């Protein structure tokens, strides 16, 4: 259960559906 980070554009962020850090 690994925490990863990706630099998503601010306009694409959407609640929990599109975030900049998430657990795969």
PDBML (XML) file of the C-alpha atoms, coordinates in Angstrom:
<?xml version="1.0" encoding="UTF-8" ?>
<PDBx:datablock datablockName="MODEL"
   xmlns:PDBx="http://pdbml.pdb.org/schema/pdbx-v50.xsd"
   xmlns:xsi="http://www.w3.org/2001/XMLSchema-instance"
   xsi:schemaLocation="http://pdbml.pdb.org/schema/pdbx-v50.xsd pdbx-v50.xsd">
   <PDBx:atom_siteCategory>
      <PDBx:atom_site id="1">
         <PDBx:B_iso_or_equiv>0.00</PDBx:B_iso_or_equiv>
         <PDBx:Cartn_x>0.000</PDBx:Cartn_x>
         <PDBx:Cartn_y>0.000</PDBx:Cartn_y>
         <PDBx:Cartn_z>0.000</PDBx:Cartn_z>
         <PDBx:auth_asym_id>A</PDBx:auth_asym_id>
         <PDBx:auth_atom_id>CA</PDBx:auth_atom_id>
         <PDBx:auth_comp_id>UNK</PDBx:auth_comp_id>
         <PDBx:auth_seq_id>1</PDBx:auth_seq_id>
         <PDBx:group_PDB>ATOM</PDBx:group_PDB>
         <PDBx:label_alt_id xsi:nil="true" />
         <PDBx:label_asym_id>A</PDBx:label_asym_id>
         <PDBx:label_atom_id>CA</PDBx:label_atom_id>
         <PDBx:label_comp_id>UNK</PDBx:label_comp_id>
         <PDBx:label_entity_id>1</PDBx:label_entity_id>
         <PDBx:label_seq_id>1</PDBx:label_seq_id>
         <PDBx:occupancy>1.00</PDBx:occupancy>
         <PDBx:pdbx_PDB_model_num>1</PDBx:pdbx_PDB_model_num>
         <PDBx:type_symbol>C</PDBx:type_symbol>
      </PDBx:atom_site>
      <PDBx:atom_site id="2">
         <PDBx:B_iso_or_equiv>0.00</PDBx:B_iso_or_equiv>
         <PDBx:Cartn_x>2.422</PDBx:Cartn_x>
         <PDBx:Cartn_y>2.591</PDBx:Cartn_y>
         <PDBx:Cartn_z>-1.307</PDBx:Cartn_z>
         <PDBx:auth_asym_id>A</PDBx:auth_asym_id>
         <PDBx:auth_atom_id>CA</PDBx:auth_atom_id>
         <PDBx:auth_comp_id>UNK</PDBx:auth_comp_id>
         <PDBx:auth_seq_id>2</PDBx:auth_seq_id>
         <PDBx:group_PDB>ATOM</PDBx:group_PDB>
         <PDBx:label_alt_id xsi:nil="true" />
         <PDBx:label_asym_id>A</PDBx:label_asym_id>
         <PDBx:label_atom_id>CA</PDBx:label_atom_id>
         <PDBx:label_comp_id>UNK</PDBx:label_comp_id>
         <PDBx:label_entity_id>1</PDBx:label_entity_id>
         <PDBx:label_seq_id>2</PDBx:label_seq_id>
         <PDBx:occupancy>1.00</PDBx:occupancy>
         <PDBx:pdbx_PDB_model_num>1</PDBx:pdbx_PDB_model_num>
         <PDBx:type_symbol>C</PDBx:type_symbol>
      </PDBx:atom_site>
      <PDBx:atom_site id="3">
         <PDBx:B_iso_or_equiv>0.00</PDBx:B_iso_or_equiv>
         <PDBx:Cartn_x>2.006</PDBx:Cartn_x>
         <PDBx:Cartn_y>6.364</PDBx:Cartn_y>
         <PDBx:Cartn_z>-1.142</PDBx:Cartn_z>
         <PDBx:auth_asym_id>A</PDBx:auth_asym_id>
         <PDBx:auth_atom_id>CA</PDBx:auth_atom_id>
         <PDBx:auth_comp_id>UNK</PDBx:auth_comp_id>
         <PDBx:auth_seq_id>3</PDBx:auth_seq_id>
         <PDBx:group_PDB>ATOM</PDBx:group_PDB>
         <PDBx:label_alt_id xsi:nil="true" />
         <PDBx:label_asym_id>A</PDBx:label_asym_id>
         <PDBx:label_atom_id>CA</PDBx:label_atom_id>
         <PDBx:label_comp_id>UNK</PDBx:label_comp_id>
         <PDBx:label_entity_id>1</PDBx:label_entity_id>
         <PDBx:label_seq_id>3</PDBx:label_seq_id>
         <PDBx:occupancy>1.00</PDBx:occupancy>
         <PDBx:pdbx_PDB_model_num>1</PDBx:pdbx_PDB_model_num>
         <PDBx:type_symbol>C</PDBx:type_symbol>
      </PDBx:atom_site>
      <PDBx:atom_site id="4">
         <PDBx:B_iso_or_equiv>0.00</PDBx:B_iso_or_equiv>
         <PDBx:Cartn_x>2.868</PDBx:Cartn_x>
         <PDBx:Cartn_y>7.989</PDBx:Cartn_y>
         <PDBx:Cartn_z>-4.487</PDBx:Cartn_z>
         <PDBx:auth_asym_id>A</PDBx:auth_asym_id>
         <PDBx:auth_atom_id>CA</PDBx:auth_atom_id>
         <PDBx:auth_comp_id>UNK</PDBx:auth_comp_id>
         <PDBx:auth_seq_id>4</PDBx:auth_seq_id>
         <PDBx:group_PDB>ATOM</PDBx:group_PDB>
         <PDBx:label_alt_id xsi:nil="true" />
         <PDBx:label_asym_id>A</PDBx:label_asym_id>
         <PDBx:label_atom_id>CA</PDBx:label_atom_id>
         <PDBx:label_comp_id>UNK</PDBx:label_comp_id>
         <PDBx:label_entity_id>1</PDBx:label_entity_id>
         <PDBx:label_seq_id>4</PDBx:label_seq_id>
         <PDBx:occupancy>1.00</PDBx:occupancy>
         <PDBx:pdbx_PDB_model_num>1</PDBx:pdbx_PDB_model_num>
         <PDBx:type_symbol>C</PDBx:type_symbol>
      </PDBx:atom_site>
      <PDBx:atom_site id="5">
         <PDBx:B_iso_or_equiv>0.00</PDBx:B_iso_or_equiv>
         <PDBx:Cartn_x>2.926</PDBx:Cartn_x>
         <PDBx:Cartn_y>11.595</PDBx:Cartn_y>
         <PDBx:Cartn_z>-5.670</PDBx:Cartn_z>
         <PDBx:auth_asym_id>A</PDBx:auth_asym_id>
         <PDBx:auth_atom_id>CA</PDBx:auth_atom_id>
         <PDBx:auth_comp_id>UNK</PDBx:auth_comp_id>
         <PDBx:auth_seq_id>5</PDBx:auth_seq_id>
         <PDBx:group_PDB>ATOM</PDBx:group_PDB>
         <PDBx:label_alt_id xsi:nil="true" />
         <PDBx:label_asym_id>A</PDBx:label_asym_id>
         <PDBx:label_atom_id>CA</PDBx:label_atom_id>
         <PDBx:label_comp_id>UNK</PDBx:label_comp_id>
         <PDBx:label_entity_id>1</PDBx:label_entity_id>
         <PDBx:label_seq_id>5</PDBx:label_seq_id>
         <PDBx:occupancy>1.00</PDBx:occupancy>
         <PDBx:pdbx_PDB_model_num>1</PDBx:pdbx_PDB_model_num>
         <PDBx:type_symbol>C</PDBx:type_symbol>
      </PDBx:atom_site>
      <PDBx:atom_site id="6">
         <PDBx:B_iso_or_equiv>0.00</PDBx:B_iso_or_equiv>
         <PDBx:Cartn_x>2.188</PDBx:Cartn_x>
         <PDBx:Cartn_y>13.063</PDBx:Cartn_y>
         <PDBx:Cartn_z>-9.092</PDBx:Cartn_z>
         <PDBx:auth_asym_id>A</PDBx:auth_asym_id>
         <PDBx:auth_atom_id>CA</PDBx:auth_atom_id>
         <PDBx:auth_comp_id>UNK</PDBx:auth_comp_id>
         <PDBx:auth_seq_id>6</PDBx:auth_seq_id>
         <PDBx:group_PDB>ATOM</PDBx:group_PDB>
         <PDBx:label_alt_id xsi:nil="true" />
         <PDBx:label_asym_id>A</PDBx:label_asym_id>
         <PDBx:label_atom_id>CA</PDBx:label_atom_id>
         <PDBx:label_comp_id>UNK</PDBx:label_comp_id>
         <PDBx:label_entity_id>1</PDBx:label_entity_id>
         <PDBx:label_seq_id>6</PDBx:label_seq_id>
         <PDBx:occupancy>1.00</PDBx:occupancy>
         <PDBx:pdbx_PDB_model_num>1</PDBx:pdbx_PDB_model_num>
         <PDBx:type_symbol>C</PDBx:type_symbol>
      </PDBx:atom_site>
      <PDBx:atom_site id="7">
         <PDBx:B_iso_or_equiv>0.00</PDBx:B_iso_or_equiv>
         <PDBx:Cartn_x>2.070</PDBx:Cartn_x>
         <PDBx:Cartn_y>16.700</PDBx:Cartn_y>
         <PDBx:Cartn_z>-10.091</PDBx:Cartn_z>
         <PDBx:auth_asym_id>A</PDBx:auth_asym_id>
         <PDBx:auth_atom_id>CA</PDBx:auth_atom_id>
         <PDBx:auth_comp_id>UNK</PDBx:auth_comp_id>
         <PDBx:auth_seq_id>7</PDBx:auth_seq_id>
         <PDBx:group_PDB>ATOM</PDBx:group_PDB>
         <PDBx:label_alt_id xsi:nil="true" />
         <PDBx:label_asym_id>A</PDBx:label_asym_id>
         <PDBx:label_atom_id>CA</PDBx:label_atom_id>
         <PDBx:label_comp_id>UNK</PDBx:label_comp_id>
         <PDBx:label_entity_id>1</PDBx:label_entity_id>
         <PDBx:label_seq_id>7</PDBx:label_seq_id>
         <PDBx:occupancy>1.00</PDBx:occupancy>
         <PDBx:pdbx_PDB_model_num>1</PDBx:pdbx_PDB_model_num>
         <PDBx:type_symbol>C</PDBx:type_symbol>
      </PDBx:atom_site>
      <PDBx:atom_site id="8">
         <PDBx:B_iso_or_equiv>0.00</PDBx:B_iso_or_equiv>
         <PDBx:Cartn_x>-1.424</PDBx:Cartn_x>
         <PDBx:Cartn_y>16.999</PDBx:Cartn_y>
         <PDBx:Cartn_z>-11.518</PDBx:Cartn_z>
         <PDBx:auth_asym_id>A</PDBx:auth_asym_id>
         <PDBx:auth_atom_id>CA</PDBx:auth_atom_id>
         <PDBx:auth_comp_id>UNK</PDBx:auth_comp_id>
         <PDBx:auth_seq_id>8</PDBx:auth_seq_id>
         <PDBx:group_PDB>ATOM</PDBx:group_PDB>
         <PDBx:label_alt_id xsi:nil="true" />
         <PDBx:label_asym_id>A</PDBx:label_asym_id>
         <PDBx:label_atom_id>CA</PDBx:label_atom_id>
         <PDBx:label_comp_id>UNK</PDBx:label_comp_id>
         <PDBx:label_entity_id>1</PDBx:label_entity_id>
         <PDBx:label_seq_id>8</PDBx:label_seq_id>
         <PDBx:occupancy>1.00</PDBx:occupancy>
         <PDBx:pdbx_PDB_model_num>1</PDBx:pdbx_PDB_model_num>
         <PDBx:type_symbol>C</PDBx:type_symbol>
      </PDBx:atom_site>
      <PDBx:atom_site id="9">
         <PDBx:B_iso_or_equiv>0.00</PDBx:B_iso_or_equiv>
         <PDBx:Cartn_x>-2.431</PDBx:Cartn_x>
         <PDBx:Cartn_y>20.358</PDBx:Cartn_y>
         <PDBx:Cartn_z>-13.026</PDBx:Cartn_z>
         <PDBx:auth_asym_id>A</PDBx:auth_asym_id>
         <PDBx:auth_atom_id>CA</PDBx:auth_atom_id>
         <PDBx:auth_comp_id>UNK</PDBx:auth_comp_id>
         <PDBx:auth_seq_id>9</PDBx:auth_seq_id>
         <PDBx:group_PDB>ATOM</PDBx:group_PDB>
         <PDBx:label_alt_id xsi:nil="true" />
         <PDBx:label_asym_id>A</PDBx:label_asym_id>
         <PDBx:label_atom_id>CA</PDBx:label_atom_id>
         <PDBx:label_comp_id>UNK</PDBx:label_comp_id>
         <PDBx:label_entity_id>1</PDBx:label_entity_id>
         <PDBx:label_seq_id>9</PDBx:label_seq_id>
         <PDBx:occupancy>1.00</PDBx:occupancy>
         <PDBx:pdbx_PDB_model_num>1</PDBx:pdbx_PDB_model_num>
         <PDBx:type_symbol>C</PDBx:type_symbol>
      </PDBx:atom_site>
      <PDBx:atom_site id="10">
         <PDBx:B_iso_or_equiv>0.00</PDBx:B_iso_or_equiv>
         <PDBx:Cartn_x>-4.503</PDBx:Cartn_x>
         <PDBx:Cartn_y>22.439</PDBx:Cartn_y>
         <PDBx:Cartn_z>-10.617</PDBx:Cartn_z>
         <PDBx:auth_asym_id>A</PDBx:auth_asym_id>
         <PDBx:auth_atom_id>CA</PDBx:auth_atom_id>
         <PDBx:auth_comp_id>UNK</PDBx:auth_comp_id>
         <PDBx:auth_seq_id>10</PDBx:auth_seq_id>
         <PDBx:group_PDB>ATOM</PDBx:group_PDB>
         <PDBx:label_alt_id xsi:nil="true" />
         <PDBx:label_asym_id>A</PDBx:label_asym_id>
         <PDBx:label_atom_id>CA</PDBx:label_atom_id>
         <PDBx:label_comp_id>UNK</PDBx:label_comp_id>
         <PDBx:label_entity_id>1</PDBx:label_entity_id>
         <PDBx:label_seq_id>10</PDBx:label_seq_id>
         <PDBx:occupancy>1.00</PDBx:occupancy>
         <PDBx:pdbx_PDB_model_num>1</PDBx:pdbx_PDB_model_num>
         <PDBx:type_symbol>C</PDBx:type_symbol>
      </PDBx:atom_site>
      <PDBx:atom_site id="11">
         <PDBx:B_iso_or_equiv>0.00</PDBx:B_iso_or_equiv>
         <PDBx:Cartn_x>-7.420</PDBx:Cartn_x>
         <PDBx:Cartn_y>22.589</PDBx:Cartn_y>
         <PDBx:Cartn_z>-13.058</PDBx:Cartn_z>
         <PDBx:auth_asym_id>A</PDBx:auth_asym_id>
         <PDBx:auth_atom_id>CA</PDBx:auth_atom_id>
         <PDBx:auth_comp_id>UNK</PDBx:auth_comp_id>
         <PDBx:auth_seq_id>11</PDBx:auth_seq_id>
         <PDBx:group_PDB>ATOM</PDBx:group_PDB>
         <PDBx:label_alt_id xsi:nil="true" />
         <PDBx:label_asym_id>A</PDBx:label_asym_id>
         <PDBx:label_atom_id>CA</PDBx:label_atom_id>
         <PDBx:label_comp_id>UNK</PDBx:label_comp_id>
         <PDBx:label_entity_id>1</PDBx:label_entity_id>
         <PDBx:label_seq_id>11</PDBx:label_seq_id>
         <PDBx:occupancy>1.00</PDBx:occupancy>
         <PDBx:pdbx_PDB_model_num>1</PDBx:pdbx_PDB_model_num>
         <PDBx:type_symbol>C</PDBx:type_symbol>
      </PDBx:atom_site>
      <PDBx:atom_site id="12">
         <PDBx:B_iso_or_equiv>0.00</PDBx:B_iso_or_equiv>
         <PDBx:Cartn_x>-7.694</PDBx:Cartn_x>
         <PDBx:Cartn_y>18.792</PDBx:Cartn_y>
         <PDBx:Cartn_z>-13.135</PDBx:Cartn_z>
         <PDBx:auth_asym_id>A</PDBx:auth_asym_id>
         <PDBx:auth_atom_id>CA</PDBx:auth_atom_id>
         <PDBx:auth_comp_id>UNK</PDBx:auth_comp_id>
         <PDBx:auth_seq_id>12</PDBx:auth_seq_id>
         <PDBx:group_PDB>ATOM</PDBx:group_PDB>
         <PDBx:label_alt_id xsi:nil="true" />
         <PDBx:label_asym_id>A</PDBx:label_asym_id>
         <PDBx:label_atom_id>CA</PDBx:label_atom_id>
         <PDBx:label_comp_id>UNK</PDBx:label_comp_id>
         <PDBx:label_entity_id>1</PDBx:label_entity_id>
         <PDBx:label_seq_id>12</PDBx:label_seq_id>
         <PDBx:occupancy>1.00</PDBx:occupancy>
         <PDBx:pdbx_PDB_model_num>1</PDBx:pdbx_PDB_model_num>
         <PDBx:type_symbol>C</PDBx:type_symbol>
      </PDBx:atom_site>
      <PDBx:atom_site id="13">
         <PDBx:B_iso_or_equiv>0.00</PDBx:B_iso_or_equiv>
         <PDBx:Cartn_x>-7.888</PDBx:Cartn_x>
         <PDBx:Cartn_y>18.267</PDBx:Cartn_y>
         <PDBx:Cartn_z>-9.360</PDBx:Cartn_z>
         <PDBx:auth_asym_id>A</PDBx:auth_asym_id>
         <PDBx:auth_atom_id>CA</PDBx:auth_atom_id>
         <PDBx:auth_comp_id>UNK</PDBx:auth_comp_id>
         <PDBx:auth_seq_id>13</PDBx:auth_seq_id>
         <PDBx:group_PDB>ATOM</PDBx:group_PDB>
         <PDBx:label_alt_id xsi:nil="true" />
         <PDBx:label_asym_id>A</PDBx:label_asym_id>
         <PDBx:label_atom_id>CA</PDBx:label_atom_id>
         <PDBx:label_comp_id>UNK</PDBx:label_comp_id>
         <PDBx:label_entity_id>1</PDBx:label_entity_id>
         <PDBx:label_seq_id>13</PDBx:label_seq_id>
         <PDBx:occupancy>1.00</PDBx:occupancy>
         <PDBx:pdbx_PDB_model_num>1</PDBx:pdbx_PDB_model_num>
         <PDBx:type_symbol>C</PDBx:type_symbol>
      </PDBx:atom_site>
      <PDBx:atom_site id="14">
         <PDBx:B_iso_or_equiv>0.00</PDBx:B_iso_or_equiv>
         <PDBx:Cartn_x>-11.251</PDBx:Cartn_x>
         <PDBx:Cartn_y>16.855</PDBx:Cartn_y>
         <PDBx:Cartn_z>-8.255</PDBx:Cartn_z>
         <PDBx:auth_asym_id>A</PDBx:auth_asym_id>
         <PDBx:auth_atom_id>CA</PDBx:auth_atom_id>
         <PDBx:auth_comp_id>UNK</PDBx:auth_comp_id>
         <PDBx:auth_seq_id>14</PDBx:auth_seq_id>
         <PDBx:group_PDB>ATOM</PDBx:group_PDB>
         <PDBx:label_alt_id xsi:nil="true" />
         <PDBx:label_asym_id>A</PDBx:label_asym_id>
         <PDBx:label_atom_id>CA</PDBx:label_atom_id>
         <PDBx:label_comp_id>UNK</PDBx:label_comp_id>
         <PDBx:label_entity_id>1</PDBx:label_entity_id>
         <PDBx:label_seq_id>14</PDBx:label_seq_id>
         <PDBx:occupancy>1.00</PDBx:occupancy>
         <PDBx:pdbx_PDB_model_num>1</PDBx:pdbx_PDB_model_num>
         <PDBx:type_symbol>C</PDBx:type_symbol>
      </PDBx:atom_site>
      <PDBx:atom_site id="15">
         <PDBx:B_iso_or_equiv>0.00</PDBx:B_iso_or_equiv>
         <PDBx:Cartn_x>-11.906</PDBx:Cartn_x>
         <PDBx:Cartn_y>15.843</PDBx:Cartn_y>
         <PDBx:Cartn_z>-4.654</PDBx:Cartn_z>
         <PDBx:auth_asym_id>A</PDBx:auth_asym_id>
         <PDBx:auth_atom_id>CA</PDBx:auth_atom_id>
         <PDBx:auth_comp_id>UNK</PDBx:auth_comp_id>
         <PDBx:auth_seq_id>15</PDBx:auth_seq_id>
         <PDBx:group_PDB>ATOM</PDBx:group_PDB>
         <PDBx:label_alt_id xsi:nil="true" />
         <PDBx:label_asym_id>A</PDBx:label_asym_id>
         <PDBx:label_atom_id>CA</PDBx:label_atom_id>
         <PDBx:label_comp_id>UNK</PDBx:label_comp_id>
         <PDBx:label_entity_id>1</PDBx:label_entity_id>
         <PDBx:label_seq_id>15</PDBx:label_seq_id>
         <PDBx:occupancy>1.00</PDBx:occupancy>
         <PDBx:pdbx_PDB_model_num>1</PDBx:pdbx_PDB_model_num>
         <PDBx:type_symbol>C</PDBx:type_symbol>
      </PDBx:atom_site>
      <PDBx:atom_site id="16">
         <PDBx:B_iso_or_equiv>0.00</PDBx:B_iso_or_equiv>
         <PDBx:Cartn_x>-10.532</PDBx:Cartn_x>
         <PDBx:Cartn_y>12.348</PDBx:Cartn_y>
         <PDBx:Cartn_z>-4.021</PDBx:Cartn_z>
         <PDBx:auth_asym_id>A</PDBx:auth_asym_id>
         <PDBx:auth_atom_id>CA</PDBx:auth_atom_id>
         <PDBx:auth_comp_id>UNK</PDBx:auth_comp_id>
         <PDBx:auth_seq_id>16</PDBx:auth_seq_id>
         <PDBx:group_PDB>ATOM</PDBx:group_PDB>
         <PDBx:label_alt_id xsi:nil="true" />
         <PDBx:label_asym_id>A</PDBx:label_asym_id>
         <PDBx:label_atom_id>CA</PDBx:label_atom_id>
         <PDBx:label_comp_id>UNK</PDBx:label_comp_id>
         <PDBx:label_entity_id>1</PDBx:label_entity_id>
         <PDBx:label_seq_id>16</PDBx:label_seq_id>
         <PDBx:occupancy>1.00</PDBx:occupancy>
         <PDBx:pdbx_PDB_model_num>1</PDBx:pdbx_PDB_model_num>
         <PDBx:type_symbol>C</PDBx:type_symbol>
      </PDBx:atom_site>
      <PDBx:atom_site id="17">
         <PDBx:B_iso_or_equiv>0.00</PDBx:B_iso_or_equiv>
         <PDBx:Cartn_x>-10.923</PDBx:Cartn_x>
         <PDBx:Cartn_y>11.353</PDBx:Cartn_y>
         <PDBx:Cartn_z>-7.668</PDBx:Cartn_z>
         <PDBx:auth_asym_id>A</PDBx:auth_asym_id>
         <PDBx:auth_atom_id>CA</PDBx:auth_atom_id>
         <PDBx:auth_comp_id>UNK</PDBx:auth_comp_id>
         <PDBx:auth_seq_id>17</PDBx:auth_seq_id>
         <PDBx:group_PDB>ATOM</PDBx:group_PDB>
         <PDBx:label_alt_id xsi:nil="true" />
         <PDBx:label_asym_id>A</PDBx:label_asym_id>
         <PDBx:label_atom_id>CA</PDBx:label_atom_id>
         <PDBx:label_comp_id>UNK</PDBx:label_comp_id>
         <PDBx:label_entity_id>1</PDBx:label_entity_id>
         <PDBx:label_seq_id>17</PDBx:label_seq_id>
         <PDBx:occupancy>1.00</PDBx:occupancy>
         <PDBx:pdbx_PDB_model_num>1</PDBx:pdbx_PDB_model_num>
         <PDBx:type_symbol>C</PDBx:type_symbol>
      </PDBx:atom_site>
      <PDBx:atom_site id="18">
         <PDBx:B_iso_or_equiv>0.00</PDBx:B_iso_or_equiv>
         <PDBx:Cartn_x>-7.914</PDBx:Cartn_x>
         <PDBx:Cartn_y>13.363</PDBx:Cartn_y>
         <PDBx:Cartn_z>-8.910</PDBx:Cartn_z>
         <PDBx:auth_asym_id>A</PDBx:auth_asym_id>
         <PDBx:auth_atom_id>CA</PDBx:auth_atom_id>
         <PDBx:auth_comp_id>UNK</PDBx:auth_comp_id>
         <PDBx:auth_seq_id>18</PDBx:auth_seq_id>
         <PDBx:group_PDB>ATOM</PDBx:group_PDB>
         <PDBx:label_alt_id xsi:nil="true" />
         <PDBx:label_asym_id>A</PDBx:label_asym_id>
         <PDBx:label_atom_id>CA</PDBx:label_atom_id>
         <PDBx:label_comp_id>UNK</PDBx:label_comp_id>
         <PDBx:label_entity_id>1</PDBx:label_entity_id>
         <PDBx:label_seq_id>18</PDBx:label_seq_id>
         <PDBx:occupancy>1.00</PDBx:occupancy>
         <PDBx:pdbx_PDB_model_num>1</PDBx:pdbx_PDB_model_num>
         <PDBx:type_symbol>C</PDBx:type_symbol>
      </PDBx:atom_site>
      <PDBx:atom_site id="19">
         <PDBx:B_iso_or_equiv>0.00</PDBx:B_iso_or_equiv>
         <PDBx:Cartn_x>-5.291</PDBx:Cartn_x>
         <PDBx:Cartn_y>14.189</PDBx:Cartn_y>
         <PDBx:Cartn_z>-6.288</PDBx:Cartn_z>
         <PDBx:auth_asym_id>A</PDBx:auth_asym_id>
         <PDBx:auth_atom_id>CA</PDBx:auth_atom_id>
         <PDBx:auth_comp_id>UNK</PDBx:auth_comp_id>
         <PDBx:auth_seq_id>19</PDBx:auth_seq_id>
         <PDBx:group_PDB>ATOM</PDBx:group_PDB>
         <PDBx:label_alt_id xsi:nil="true" />
         <PDBx:label_asym_id>A</PDBx:label_asym_id>
         <PDBx:label_atom_id>CA</PDBx:label_atom_id>
         <PDBx:label_comp_id>UNK</PDBx:label_comp_id>
         <PDBx:label_entity_id>1</PDBx:label_entity_id>
         <PDBx:label_seq_id>19</PDBx:label_seq_id>
         <PDBx:occupancy>1.00</PDBx:occupancy>
         <PDBx:pdbx_PDB_model_num>1</PDBx:pdbx_PDB_model_num>
         <PDBx:type_symbol>C</PDBx:type_symbol>
      </PDBx:atom_site>
      <PDBx:atom_site id="20">
         <PDBx:B_iso_or_equiv>0.00</PDBx:B_iso_or_equiv>
         <PDBx:Cartn_x>-1.570</PDBx:Cartn_x>
         <PDBx:Cartn_y>14.796</PDBx:Cartn_y>
         <PDBx:Cartn_z>-6.090</PDBx:Cartn_z>
         <PDBx:auth_asym_id>A</PDBx:auth_asym_id>
         <PDBx:auth_atom_id>CA</PDBx:auth_atom_id>
         <PDBx:auth_comp_id>UNK</PDBx:auth_comp_id>
         <PDBx:auth_seq_id>20</PDBx:auth_seq_id>
         <PDBx:group_PDB>ATOM</PDBx:group_PDB>
         <PDBx:label_alt_id xsi:nil="true" />
         <PDBx:label_asym_id>A</PDBx:label_asym_id>
         <PDBx:label_atom_id>CA</PDBx:label_atom_id>
         <PDBx:label_comp_id>UNK</PDBx:label_comp_id>
         <PDBx:label_entity_id>1</PDBx:label_entity_id>
         <PDBx:label_seq_id>20</PDBx:label_seq_id>
         <PDBx:occupancy>1.00</PDBx:occupancy>
         <PDBx:pdbx_PDB_model_num>1</PDBx:pdbx_PDB_model_num>
         <PDBx:type_symbol>C</PDBx:type_symbol>
      </PDBx:atom_site>
      <PDBx:atom_site id="21">
         <PDBx:B_iso_or_equiv>0.00</PDBx:B_iso_or_equiv>
         <PDBx:Cartn_x>-0.800</PDBx:Cartn_x>
         <PDBx:Cartn_y>12.104</PDBx:Cartn_y>
         <PDBx:Cartn_z>-3.556</PDBx:Cartn_z>
         <PDBx:auth_asym_id>A</PDBx:auth_asym_id>
         <PDBx:auth_atom_id>CA</PDBx:auth_atom_id>
         <PDBx:auth_comp_id>UNK</PDBx:auth_comp_id>
         <PDBx:auth_seq_id>21</PDBx:auth_seq_id>
         <PDBx:group_PDB>ATOM</PDBx:group_PDB>
         <PDBx:label_alt_id xsi:nil="true" />
         <PDBx:label_asym_id>A</PDBx:label_asym_id>
         <PDBx:label_atom_id>CA</PDBx:label_atom_id>
         <PDBx:label_comp_id>UNK</PDBx:label_comp_id>
         <PDBx:label_entity_id>1</PDBx:label_entity_id>
         <PDBx:label_seq_id>21</PDBx:label_seq_id>
         <PDBx:occupancy>1.00</PDBx:occupancy>
         <PDBx:pdbx_PDB_model_num>1</PDBx:pdbx_PDB_model_num>
         <PDBx:type_symbol>C</PDBx:type_symbol>
      </PDBx:atom_site>
      <PDBx:atom_site id="22">
         <PDBx:B_iso_or_equiv>0.00</PDBx:B_iso_or_equiv>
         <PDBx:Cartn_x>-2.558</PDBx:Cartn_x>
         <PDBx:Cartn_y>8.774</PDBx:Cartn_y>
         <PDBx:Cartn_z>-3.282</PDBx:Cartn_z>
         <PDBx:auth_asym_id>A</PDBx:auth_asym_id>
         <PDBx:auth_atom_id>CA</PDBx:auth_atom_id>
         <PDBx:auth_comp_id>UNK</PDBx:auth_comp_id>
         <PDBx:auth_seq_id>22</PDBx:auth_seq_id>
         <PDBx:group_PDB>ATOM</PDBx:group_PDB>
         <PDBx:label_alt_id xsi:nil="true" />
         <PDBx:label_asym_id>A</PDBx:label_asym_id>
         <PDBx:label_atom_id>CA</PDBx:label_atom_id>
         <PDBx:label_comp_id>UNK</PDBx:label_comp_id>
         <PDBx:label_entity_id>1</PDBx:label_entity_id>
         <PDBx:label_seq_id>22</PDBx:label_seq_id>
         <PDBx:occupancy>1.00</PDBx:occupancy>
         <PDBx:pdbx_PDB_model_num>1</PDBx:pdbx_PDB_model_num>
         <PDBx:type_symbol>C</PDBx:type_symbol>
      </PDBx:atom_site>
      <PDBx:atom_site id="23">
         <PDBx:B_iso_or_equiv>0.00</PDBx:B_iso_or_equiv>
         <PDBx:Cartn_x>-2.056</PDBx:Cartn_x>
         <PDBx:Cartn_y>5.246</PDBx:Cartn_y>
         <PDBx:Cartn_z>-2.049</PDBx:Cartn_z>
         <PDBx:auth_asym_id>A</PDBx:auth_asym_id>
         <PDBx:auth_atom_id>CA</PDBx:auth_atom_id>
         <PDBx:auth_comp_id>UNK</PDBx:auth_comp_id>
         <PDBx:auth_seq_id>23</PDBx:auth_seq_id>
         <PDBx:group_PDB>ATOM</PDBx:group_PDB>
         <PDBx:label_alt_id xsi:nil="true" />
         <PDBx:label_asym_id>A</PDBx:label_asym_id>
         <PDBx:label_atom_id>CA</PDBx:label_atom_id>
         <PDBx:label_comp_id>UNK</PDBx:label_comp_id>
         <PDBx:label_entity_id>1</PDBx:label_entity_id>
         <PDBx:label_seq_id>23</PDBx:label_seq_id>
         <PDBx:occupancy>1.00</PDBx:occupancy>
         <PDBx:pdbx_PDB_model_num>1</PDBx:pdbx_PDB_model_num>
         <PDBx:type_symbol>C</PDBx:type_symbol>
      </PDBx:atom_site>
      <PDBx:atom_site id="24">
         <PDBx:B_iso_or_equiv>0.00</PDBx:B_iso_or_equiv>
         <PDBx:Cartn_x>-1.783</PDBx:Cartn_x>
         <PDBx:Cartn_y>2.562</PDBx:Cartn_y>
         <PDBx:Cartn_z>-4.699</PDBx:Cartn_z>
         <PDBx:auth_asym_id>A</PDBx:auth_asym_id>
         <PDBx:auth_atom_id>CA</PDBx:auth_atom_id>
         <PDBx:auth_comp_id>UNK</PDBx:auth_comp_id>
         <PDBx:auth_seq_id>24</PDBx:auth_seq_id>
         <PDBx:group_PDB>ATOM</PDBx:group_PDB>
         <PDBx:label_alt_id xsi:nil="true" />
         <PDBx:label_asym_id>A</PDBx:label_asym_id>
         <PDBx:label_atom_id>CA</PDBx:label_atom_id>
         <PDBx:label_comp_id>UNK</PDBx:label_comp_id>
         <PDBx:label_entity_id>1</PDBx:label_entity_id>
         <PDBx:label_seq_id>24</PDBx:label_seq_id>
         <PDBx:occupancy>1.00</PDBx:occupancy>
         <PDBx:pdbx_PDB_model_num>1</PDBx:pdbx_PDB_model_num>
         <PDBx:type_symbol>C</PDBx:type_symbol>
      </PDBx:atom_site>
   </PDBx:atom_siteCategory>
</PDBx:datablock>
